[in-house]
Amino acid sequence: MPNIKLLFKEAVSQTSLTDVYQVDESNRLVKINLVIGDIGQASISTIKLDDEVLLNEHLGSLVDFSIGRNSAIVNRFLNITTIVTDVSQDHNRTGIDFSIKGGVNLYHCALSKQVSNQGDSVGYKIEIFFYQ
C-alpha cells in the first residue's frame, strides 16, 4: 500500500502547504490556529471542510478554531485560503503561522513571503487531509 503522505504531498512554496494530519477514533475536538505574521498585516480568510464553509471572510487571526471531532473529520480535506496585505511602513514581510491540535500529534507550519511594496497582498493556500 502506498504511503498516504506521498499521495497527497505537493511541492511546497512559501505561500502554499499541502499535507496530512492523523486523527483517531475519539470525539475529541480538532482545533486550528491561524496567526497572521508581523505587526502591520491585514488578512481575510475562508475555511472549508470539503465543500462545507466553516468560516467565510474572517478578518485577522484565529485561535482554537474548532474544525470538528476526530471521528467526524477522517478522510476529509481542510482548505484554508488567506489573503495577507502588508500595511506596515517598517517592512514588506507577510506571513502566517498555522497549527493543528487535538489529533494524534501537534502540527505546526509557518509560511511567509516578502512583497515589493507596502499595500501589496499575498494569497496563502493550505490543504490538509485528515486520516487515521
N, C-alpha and C. Protein backbone atom coordinates (compact mmCIF):
# COMPACT_ATOMS: atom_id res chain seq x y z
N MET A 1 0.85 -1.18 0.00
CA MET A 1 0.00 0.00 0.00
C MET A 1 0.89 1.24 0.00
N PRO A 2 0.61 2.22 -0.87
CA PRO A 2 1.44 3.42 -0.92
C PRO A 2 1.27 4.28 0.33
N ASN A 3 2.29 5.01 0.65
CA ASN A 3 2.26 5.92 1.79
C ASN A 3 1.28 7.05 1.50
N ILE A 4 0.29 7.24 2.38
CA ILE A 4 -0.76 8.25 2.15
C ILE A 4 -0.17 9.66 2.11
N LYS A 5 0.89 9.88 2.87
CA LYS A 5 1.51 11.21 2.86
C LYS A 5 2.08 11.51 1.47
N LEU A 6 2.67 10.53 0.82
CA LEU A 6 3.21 10.73 -0.52
C LEU A 6 2.11 10.97 -1.54
N LEU A 7 0.95 10.36 -1.34
CA LEU A 7 -0.15 10.54 -2.28
C LEU A 7 -0.67 11.97 -2.30
N PHE A 8 -0.62 12.64 -1.17
CA PHE A 8 -1.21 13.98 -1.08
C PHE A 8 -0.17 15.10 -1.02
N LYS A 9 1.10 14.75 -1.01
CA LYS A 9 2.14 15.77 -0.90
C LYS A 9 2.34 16.48 -2.23
N GLU A 10 2.39 17.80 -2.21
CA GLU A 10 2.68 18.62 -3.38
C GLU A 10 3.97 19.37 -3.11
N ALA A 11 4.47 20.00 -4.12
CA ALA A 11 5.60 20.89 -3.92
C ALA A 11 5.13 22.04 -3.04
N VAL A 12 5.90 22.34 -2.02
CA VAL A 12 5.52 23.40 -1.09
C VAL A 12 6.27 24.68 -1.46
N SER A 13 5.52 25.74 -1.66
CA SER A 13 6.16 27.03 -1.88
C SER A 13 6.09 27.79 -0.57
N GLN A 14 6.55 29.01 -0.58
CA GLN A 14 6.47 29.82 0.63
C GLN A 14 5.04 30.20 0.96
N THR A 15 4.13 30.05 0.03
CA THR A 15 2.76 30.51 0.25
C THR A 15 1.73 29.40 0.17
N SER A 16 2.15 28.16 0.01
CA SER A 16 1.18 27.07 -0.03
C SER A 16 1.69 25.87 0.74
N LEU A 17 0.74 25.10 1.24
CA LEU A 17 1.05 23.91 2.03
C LEU A 17 0.00 22.85 1.72
N THR A 18 0.45 21.66 1.38
CA THR A 18 -0.43 20.50 1.23
C THR A 18 0.18 19.40 2.08
N ASP A 19 -0.60 18.87 3.02
CA ASP A 19 -0.06 17.86 3.92
C ASP A 19 -1.19 17.00 4.48
N VAL A 20 -0.83 16.08 5.37
CA VAL A 20 -1.80 15.20 6.03
C VAL A 20 -1.69 15.40 7.53
N TYR A 21 -2.79 15.05 8.23
CA TYR A 21 -2.81 15.13 9.69
C TYR A 21 -3.56 13.92 10.21
N GLN A 22 -2.95 13.21 11.14
CA GLN A 22 -3.55 11.98 11.66
C GLN A 22 -4.49 12.27 12.82
N VAL A 23 -5.72 11.75 12.69
CA VAL A 23 -6.71 11.82 13.76
C VAL A 23 -6.95 10.41 14.28
N ASP A 24 -7.72 10.30 15.35
CA ASP A 24 -8.02 8.99 15.90
C ASP A 24 -9.53 8.77 15.90
N GLU A 25 -9.99 7.78 16.63
CA GLU A 25 -11.41 7.43 16.63
C GLU A 25 -12.19 8.13 17.74
N SER A 26 -11.58 9.07 18.43
CA SER A 26 -12.22 9.72 19.57
C SER A 26 -13.19 10.82 19.12
N ASN A 27 -13.87 11.39 20.11
CA ASN A 27 -14.76 12.53 19.87
C ASN A 27 -14.10 13.84 20.29
N ARG A 28 -12.79 13.78 20.53
CA ARG A 28 -12.05 14.98 20.91
C ARG A 28 -12.04 15.98 19.74
N LEU A 29 -12.18 17.27 20.06
CA LEU A 29 -12.19 18.31 19.03
C LEU A 29 -10.80 18.55 18.45
N VAL A 30 -10.75 18.74 17.15
CA VAL A 30 -9.53 19.15 16.46
C VAL A 30 -9.66 20.65 16.23
N LYS A 31 -8.61 21.40 16.62
CA LYS A 31 -8.66 22.86 16.53
C LYS A 31 -7.44 23.37 15.78
N ILE A 32 -7.64 24.51 15.13
CA ILE A 32 -6.53 25.14 14.42
C ILE A 32 -6.26 26.52 14.97
N ASN A 33 -5.02 26.96 14.77
CA ASN A 33 -4.62 28.34 14.99
C ASN A 33 -4.11 28.85 13.65
N LEU A 34 -4.53 30.01 13.29
CA LEU A 34 -4.06 30.68 12.07
C LEU A 34 -3.71 32.10 12.49
N VAL A 35 -2.43 32.31 12.76
CA VAL A 35 -1.99 33.59 13.30
C VAL A 35 -1.28 34.37 12.19
N ILE A 36 -1.77 35.57 11.96
CA ILE A 36 -1.19 36.42 10.92
C ILE A 36 0.12 36.98 11.43
N GLY A 37 1.14 36.88 10.60
CA GLY A 37 2.54 37.16 10.94
C GLY A 37 2.82 38.43 11.67
N ASP A 38 3.49 39.34 11.05
CA ASP A 38 4.02 40.54 11.68
C ASP A 38 2.96 41.60 11.95
N ILE A 39 3.32 42.54 12.82
CA ILE A 39 2.50 43.73 13.02
C ILE A 39 2.46 44.47 11.69
N GLY A 40 1.33 45.01 11.35
CA GLY A 40 1.22 45.74 10.10
C GLY A 40 0.75 44.88 8.95
N GLN A 41 0.04 43.81 9.27
CA GLN A 41 -0.53 42.96 8.24
C GLN A 41 -2.02 42.81 8.49
N ALA A 42 -2.79 42.90 7.43
CA ALA A 42 -4.22 42.68 7.49
C ALA A 42 -4.52 41.40 6.72
N SER A 43 -5.58 40.68 7.12
CA SER A 43 -5.87 39.42 6.43
C SER A 43 -7.36 39.15 6.37
N ILE A 44 -7.71 38.30 5.41
CA ILE A 44 -9.07 37.79 5.28
C ILE A 44 -8.95 36.31 4.90
N SER A 45 -9.71 35.45 5.59
CA SER A 45 -9.59 34.00 5.40
C SER A 45 -10.95 33.35 5.20
N THR A 46 -10.94 32.30 4.38
CA THR A 46 -12.09 31.40 4.24
C THR A 46 -11.61 30.00 4.56
N ILE A 47 -12.40 29.30 5.39
CA ILE A 47 -12.03 27.95 5.81
C ILE A 47 -13.16 27.00 5.44
N LYS A 48 -12.79 25.90 4.76
CA LYS A 48 -13.76 24.89 4.35
C LYS A 48 -13.30 23.51 4.80
N LEU A 49 -14.27 22.66 5.11
CA LEU A 49 -14.04 21.24 5.33
C LEU A 49 -14.77 20.55 4.19
N ASP A 50 -14.01 20.01 3.24
CA ASP A 50 -14.54 19.57 1.95
C ASP A 50 -15.27 20.77 1.33
N ASP A 51 -16.55 20.64 1.01
CA ASP A 51 -17.29 21.76 0.41
C ASP A 51 -18.05 22.61 1.43
N GLU A 52 -18.00 22.22 2.69
CA GLU A 52 -18.73 22.93 3.74
C GLU A 52 -17.92 24.13 4.23
N VAL A 53 -18.49 25.32 4.11
CA VAL A 53 -17.82 26.52 4.58
C VAL A 53 -17.97 26.61 6.10
N LEU A 54 -16.83 26.58 6.80
CA LEU A 54 -16.83 26.70 8.26
C LEU A 54 -16.72 28.15 8.69
N LEU A 55 -16.02 28.94 7.89
CA LEU A 55 -15.81 30.35 8.21
C LEU A 55 -15.58 31.08 6.89
N ASN A 56 -16.34 32.15 6.68
CA ASN A 56 -16.25 32.87 5.42
C ASN A 56 -15.80 34.31 5.66
N GLU A 57 -14.74 34.70 4.98
CA GLU A 57 -14.24 36.08 5.01
C GLU A 57 -13.97 36.59 6.42
N HIS A 58 -13.26 35.78 7.19
CA HIS A 58 -12.87 36.16 8.56
C HIS A 58 -11.68 37.11 8.51
N LEU A 59 -11.75 38.20 9.25
CA LEU A 59 -10.67 39.17 9.31
C LEU A 59 -9.75 38.87 10.49
N GLY A 60 -8.44 38.82 10.25
CA GLY A 60 -7.47 38.64 11.32
C GLY A 60 -7.16 37.20 11.66
N SER A 61 -6.52 37.03 12.81
CA SER A 61 -6.06 35.72 13.28
C SER A 61 -7.20 34.89 13.87
N LEU A 62 -6.95 33.59 13.96
CA LEU A 62 -7.86 32.64 14.61
C LEU A 62 -7.09 31.84 15.65
N VAL A 63 -7.66 31.67 16.82
CA VAL A 63 -7.03 30.86 17.86
C VAL A 63 -8.06 29.87 18.38
N ASP A 64 -7.66 28.59 18.42
CA ASP A 64 -8.52 27.49 18.90
C ASP A 64 -9.84 27.40 18.14
N PHE A 65 -9.77 27.54 16.83
CA PHE A 65 -10.97 27.40 16.00
C PHE A 65 -11.24 25.92 15.76
N SER A 66 -12.42 25.46 16.13
CA SER A 66 -12.78 24.04 16.04
C SER A 66 -13.14 23.63 14.62
N ILE A 67 -12.47 22.60 14.10
CA ILE A 67 -12.73 22.04 12.78
C ILE A 67 -13.78 20.94 12.86
N GLY A 68 -13.77 20.20 13.96
CA GLY A 68 -14.70 19.08 14.15
C GLY A 68 -14.07 18.04 15.05
N ARG A 69 -14.79 16.98 15.28
CA ARG A 69 -14.31 15.90 16.13
C ARG A 69 -13.48 14.92 15.31
N ASN A 70 -12.48 14.31 15.95
CA ASN A 70 -11.58 13.37 15.28
C ASN A 70 -12.33 12.39 14.40
N SER A 71 -13.29 11.69 14.97
CA SER A 71 -14.01 10.63 14.24
C SER A 71 -14.85 11.17 13.10
N ALA A 72 -15.24 12.43 13.14
CA ALA A 72 -16.11 13.02 12.12
C ALA A 72 -15.35 13.62 10.94
N ILE A 73 -14.05 13.85 11.10
CA ILE A 73 -13.32 14.52 10.02
C ILE A 73 -12.37 13.59 9.26
N VAL A 74 -12.31 12.33 9.64
CA VAL A 74 -11.43 11.39 8.96
C VAL A 74 -11.81 11.31 7.47
N ASN A 75 -10.81 11.26 6.61
CA ASN A 75 -10.97 11.20 5.14
C ASN A 75 -11.59 12.46 4.55
N ARG A 76 -11.40 13.57 5.22
CA ARG A 76 -11.91 14.86 4.71
C ARG A 76 -10.75 15.82 4.53
N PHE A 77 -10.97 16.84 3.71
CA PHE A 77 -9.96 17.85 3.42
C PHE A 77 -10.32 19.18 4.07
N LEU A 78 -9.35 19.76 4.75
CA LEU A 78 -9.45 21.11 5.27
C LEU A 78 -8.78 22.02 4.24
N ASN A 79 -9.48 23.05 3.81
CA ASN A 79 -8.94 24.02 2.85
C ASN A 79 -9.03 25.42 3.44
N ILE A 80 -7.90 26.08 3.50
CA ILE A 80 -7.83 27.44 4.03
C ILE A 80 -7.23 28.34 2.95
N THR A 81 -7.94 29.42 2.65
CA THR A 81 -7.42 30.43 1.74
C THR A 81 -7.35 31.73 2.51
N THR A 82 -6.17 32.32 2.54
CA THR A 82 -5.96 33.57 3.28
C THR A 82 -5.24 34.58 2.39
N ILE A 83 -5.75 35.79 2.36
CA ILE A 83 -5.08 36.88 1.68
C ILE A 83 -4.50 37.79 2.76
N VAL A 84 -3.18 38.00 2.70
CA VAL A 84 -2.50 38.86 3.67
C VAL A 84 -1.99 40.09 2.92
N THR A 85 -2.34 41.26 3.46
CA THR A 85 -1.91 42.52 2.88
C THR A 85 -0.92 43.20 3.82
N ASP A 86 0.20 43.61 3.26
CA ASP A 86 1.21 44.32 4.03
C ASP A 86 0.83 45.80 4.12
N VAL A 87 0.58 46.26 5.33
CA VAL A 87 0.26 47.69 5.52
C VAL A 87 1.30 48.38 6.40
N SER A 88 2.37 47.66 6.72
CA SER A 88 3.42 48.21 7.57
C SER A 88 4.32 49.16 6.78
N GLN A 89 4.73 50.24 7.42
CA GLN A 89 5.69 51.14 6.80
C GLN A 89 7.12 50.72 7.11
N ASP A 90 7.29 49.79 8.05
CA ASP A 90 8.62 49.38 8.50
C ASP A 90 9.25 48.25 7.69
N HIS A 91 8.42 47.40 7.05
CA HIS A 91 8.95 46.24 6.33
C HIS A 91 7.93 45.79 5.29
N ASN A 92 8.30 44.84 4.47
CA ASN A 92 7.41 44.31 3.43
C ASN A 92 7.21 42.80 3.56
N ARG A 93 7.27 42.29 4.78
CA ARG A 93 7.07 40.86 5.03
C ARG A 93 5.59 40.56 5.26
N THR A 94 5.15 39.43 4.72
CA THR A 94 3.84 38.90 5.08
C THR A 94 4.06 37.48 5.57
N GLY A 95 3.12 36.97 6.35
CA GLY A 95 3.28 35.60 6.82
C GLY A 95 2.10 35.14 7.64
N ILE A 96 2.02 33.81 7.76
CA ILE A 96 1.04 33.19 8.64
C ILE A 96 1.71 32.05 9.39
N ASP A 97 1.23 31.82 10.58
CA ASP A 97 1.69 30.73 11.43
C ASP A 97 0.48 29.81 11.63
N PHE A 98 0.58 28.56 11.19
CA PHE A 98 -0.54 27.63 11.19
C PHE A 98 -0.24 26.44 12.08
N SER A 99 -1.21 26.04 12.90
CA SER A 99 -1.03 24.84 13.72
C SER A 99 -2.37 24.12 13.91
N ILE A 100 -2.25 22.81 14.17
CA ILE A 100 -3.42 21.95 14.44
C ILE A 100 -3.13 21.18 15.72
N LYS A 101 -4.15 21.02 16.55
CA LYS A 101 -4.03 20.19 17.75
C LYS A 101 -5.32 19.43 17.95
N GLY A 102 -5.25 18.38 18.74
CA GLY A 102 -6.44 17.58 19.05
C GLY A 102 -6.43 16.21 18.41
N GLY A 103 -5.57 16.00 17.42
CA GLY A 103 -5.43 14.70 16.79
C GLY A 103 -4.32 13.92 17.47
N VAL A 104 -3.61 13.09 16.71
CA VAL A 104 -2.56 12.25 17.28
C VAL A 104 -1.37 13.08 17.75
N ASN A 105 -0.95 14.07 16.97
CA ASN A 105 0.20 14.91 17.32
C ASN A 105 -0.13 16.38 17.08
N LEU A 106 0.72 17.24 17.59
CA LEU A 106 0.64 18.67 17.29
C LEU A 106 1.28 18.89 15.93
N TYR A 107 0.70 19.78 15.12
CA TYR A 107 1.23 20.10 13.79
C TYR A 107 1.45 21.59 13.73
N HIS A 108 2.57 22.00 13.12
CA HIS A 108 2.89 23.42 13.03
C HIS A 108 3.63 23.71 11.73
N CYS A 109 3.30 24.84 11.12
CA CYS A 109 4.00 25.29 9.91
C CYS A 109 3.89 26.81 9.82
N ALA A 110 4.98 27.44 9.40
CA ALA A 110 4.97 28.88 9.16
C ALA A 110 5.23 29.12 7.68
N LEU A 111 4.44 30.00 7.09
CA LEU A 111 4.60 30.39 5.68
C LEU A 111 4.84 31.89 5.63
N SER A 112 5.69 32.32 4.69
CA SER A 112 5.94 33.75 4.59
C SER A 112 6.38 34.11 3.18
N LYS A 113 6.19 35.39 2.86
CA LYS A 113 6.63 35.91 1.57
C LYS A 113 6.86 37.40 1.69
N GLN A 114 7.94 37.84 1.11
CA GLN A 114 8.26 39.27 1.04
C GLN A 114 7.51 39.86 -0.15
N VAL A 115 6.93 41.04 0.03
CA VAL A 115 6.29 41.74 -1.08
C VAL A 115 7.16 42.91 -1.52
N SER A 116 6.87 43.43 -2.69
CA SER A 116 7.69 44.52 -3.23
C SER A 116 7.37 45.87 -2.62
N ASN A 117 6.07 46.11 -2.36
CA ASN A 117 5.64 47.44 -1.91
C ASN A 117 4.62 47.35 -0.79
N GLN A 118 4.60 48.36 0.04
CA GLN A 118 3.56 48.47 1.06
C GLN A 118 2.21 48.48 0.34
N GLY A 119 1.27 47.73 0.87
CA GLY A 119 -0.06 47.64 0.27
C GLY A 119 -0.24 46.43 -0.62
N ASP A 120 0.86 45.74 -0.95
CA ASP A 120 0.76 44.52 -1.76
C ASP A 120 0.15 43.39 -0.94
N SER A 121 -0.52 42.48 -1.63
CA SER A 121 -1.17 41.33 -0.99
C SER A 121 -0.58 40.03 -1.50
N VAL A 122 -0.65 39.00 -0.64
CA VAL A 122 -0.18 37.66 -0.98
C VAL A 122 -1.30 36.67 -0.64
N GLY A 123 -1.55 35.74 -1.54
CA GLY A 123 -2.51 34.68 -1.28
C GLY A 123 -1.82 33.46 -0.71
N TYR A 124 -2.33 32.95 0.40
CA TYR A 124 -1.81 31.74 1.04
C TYR A 124 -2.87 30.64 0.93
N LYS A 125 -2.43 29.42 0.65
CA LYS A 125 -3.35 28.29 0.49
C LYS A 125 -2.83 27.12 1.31
N ILE A 126 -3.69 26.57 2.16
CA ILE A 126 -3.35 25.41 3.00
C ILE A 126 -4.40 24.33 2.72
N GLU A 127 -3.92 23.11 2.47
CA GLU A 127 -4.82 21.97 2.29
C GLU A 127 -4.29 20.83 3.15
N ILE A 128 -5.13 20.33 4.05
CA ILE A 128 -4.77 19.26 4.97
C ILE A 128 -5.78 18.12 4.81
N PHE A 129 -5.27 16.90 4.64
CA PHE A 129 -6.12 15.71 4.58
C PHE A 129 -6.06 15.00 5.92
N PHE A 130 -7.22 14.72 6.51
CA PHE A 130 -7.27 14.04 7.80
C PHE A 130 -7.40 12.53 7.58
N TYR A 131 -6.53 11.76 8.20
CA TYR A 131 -6.55 10.30 8.04
C TYR A 131 -6.36 9.62 9.40
N GLN A 132 -6.69 8.31 9.45
CA GLN A 132 -6.46 7.53 10.67
C GLN A 132 -5.32 6.56 10.45
